Amino acid sequence: MLNISKEKKDGSMTVFLEGKLDTVTAQDLEASINEDISGLDELIFDMGELVYISSAGLRVLLGAQKIMNEQGSMKVKGANEIIREIFDATGFSSILTIEN
């Protein structure tokens, strides 16, 4: 299960993720992002409450990063040690801007 909440302010949107981002929930996240990504200057994923991410979840992040490369910036913050290890193992650490 994944809870997604969004906060928009002045061309910036923070997406708060809580739970598991897996094959089932990745579609929900992708749809949620696509509703609001047009025209954003900054996209932030707050992963402070995310406990798991699968390859499907990584694909959604990659898609969002490609869009934001064209129109602004994207960053990931609050990822726990397990999520960070997944980013390191998959090479996503060099693709994404990751903050504490």
Protein backbone atom coordinates (compact mmCIF):
# COMPACT_ATOMS: atom_id res chain seq x y z
CA MET A 1 0.00 0.00 0.00
CA LEU A 2 1.20 3.49 -0.87
CA ASN A 3 -0.18 6.76 0.40
CA ILE A 4 0.50 9.70 -1.90
CA SER A 5 -0.08 13.30 -0.92
CA LYS A 6 0.94 16.43 -2.80
CA GLU A 7 1.64 20.00 -1.82
CA LYS A 8 1.88 22.64 -4.55
CA LYS A 9 3.26 26.13 -4.11
CA ASP A 10 4.55 28.69 -6.62
CA GLY A 11 5.65 26.31 -9.40
CA SER A 12 6.95 23.71 -6.95
CA MET A 13 5.32 20.45 -5.94
CA THR A 14 6.31 18.11 -3.14
CA VAL A 15 5.06 14.53 -3.37
CA PHE A 16 4.97 12.75 -0.02
CA LEU A 17 5.25 8.97 -0.25
CA GLU A 18 4.32 6.64 2.60
CA GLY A 19 4.45 2.83 2.42
CA LYS A 20 5.61 0.65 -0.47
CA LEU A 21 6.24 1.82 -4.03
CA ASP A 22 5.95 -1.41 -5.99
CA THR A 23 4.54 -2.80 -9.23
CA VAL A 24 0.96 -2.27 -8.08
CA THR A 25 1.34 1.24 -6.64
CA ALA A 26 3.76 2.64 -9.24
CA GLN A 27 0.87 3.16 -11.66
CA ASP A 28 -0.95 5.26 -9.06
CA LEU A 29 2.11 7.42 -8.48
CA GLU A 30 2.70 7.90 -12.19
CA ALA A 31 -0.92 8.99 -12.72
CA SER A 32 -0.74 11.32 -9.73
CA ILE A 33 2.46 12.98 -10.96
CA ASN A 34 1.19 13.32 -14.54
CA GLU A 35 -1.84 15.27 -13.29
CA ASP A 36 0.35 18.11 -12.08
CA ILE A 37 3.84 17.92 -13.61
CA SER A 38 3.16 20.21 -16.55
CA GLY A 39 4.61 23.66 -15.91
CA LEU A 40 6.41 22.79 -12.67
CA ASP A 41 9.79 24.38 -12.00
CA GLU A 42 10.61 22.01 -9.15
CA LEU A 43 9.48 18.53 -8.20
CA ILE A 44 10.41 17.09 -4.81
CA PHE A 45 9.81 13.53 -3.66
CA ASP A 46 9.71 13.29 0.12
CA MET A 47 10.50 9.65 0.91
CA GLY A 48 10.70 10.00 4.68
CA GLU A 49 7.93 7.44 5.15
CA LEU A 50 8.73 5.19 2.16
CA VAL A 51 9.83 1.70 3.25
CA TYR A 52 10.29 -0.05 -0.12
CA ILE A 53 10.81 0.78 -3.78
CA SER A 54 10.77 -1.71 -6.68
CA SER A 55 12.05 -1.42 -10.23
CA ALA A 56 8.59 -0.21 -11.27
CA GLY A 57 8.90 2.62 -8.76
CA LEU A 58 12.36 3.47 -10.06
CA ARG A 59 10.93 3.63 -13.59
CA VAL A 60 8.37 6.23 -12.45
CA LEU A 61 11.13 8.33 -10.86
CA LEU A 62 13.19 8.09 -14.04
CA GLY A 63 10.24 9.21 -16.16
CA ALA A 64 9.62 12.19 -13.88
CA GLN A 65 13.33 13.06 -13.95
CA LYS A 66 13.34 13.10 -17.77
CA ILE A 67 10.39 15.50 -17.82
CA MET A 68 11.89 17.74 -15.14
CA ASN A 69 15.25 17.85 -16.97
CA GLU A 70 13.37 19.75 -19.70
CA GLN A 71 11.47 22.17 -17.48
CA GLY A 72 13.16 22.51 -14.09
CA SER A 73 14.66 20.42 -11.32
CA MET A 74 13.78 17.32 -9.35
CA LYS A 75 15.09 16.05 -6.05
CA VAL A 76 14.54 13.20 -3.65
CA LYS A 77 14.74 13.81 0.07
CA GLY A 78 14.38 11.82 3.25
CA ALA A 79 15.18 8.41 1.74
CA ASN A 80 16.11 5.85 4.38
CA GLU A 81 19.22 3.67 4.27
CA ILE A 82 17.46 0.79 2.48
CA ILE A 83 16.10 3.07 -0.28
CA ARG A 84 19.51 4.75 -0.63
CA GLU A 85 21.17 1.33 -1.01
CA ILE A 86 18.73 0.53 -3.83
CA PHE A 87 19.58 3.86 -5.50
CA ASP A 88 23.30 3.05 -5.17
CA ALA A 89 22.97 -0.52 -6.48
CA THR A 90 20.93 0.55 -9.52
CA GLY A 91 23.00 3.62 -10.38
CA PHE A 92 20.12 5.96 -9.60
CA SER A 93 22.35 7.82 -7.14
CA SER A 94 24.15 9.32 -10.13
CA ILE A 95 20.89 10.15 -11.96
CA LEU A 96 18.86 11.67 -9.12
CA THR A 97 19.57 14.61 -6.85
CA ILE A 98 19.30 13.04 -3.38
CA GLU A 99 19.20 15.06 -0.19
CA ASN A 100 18.82 14.05 3.46
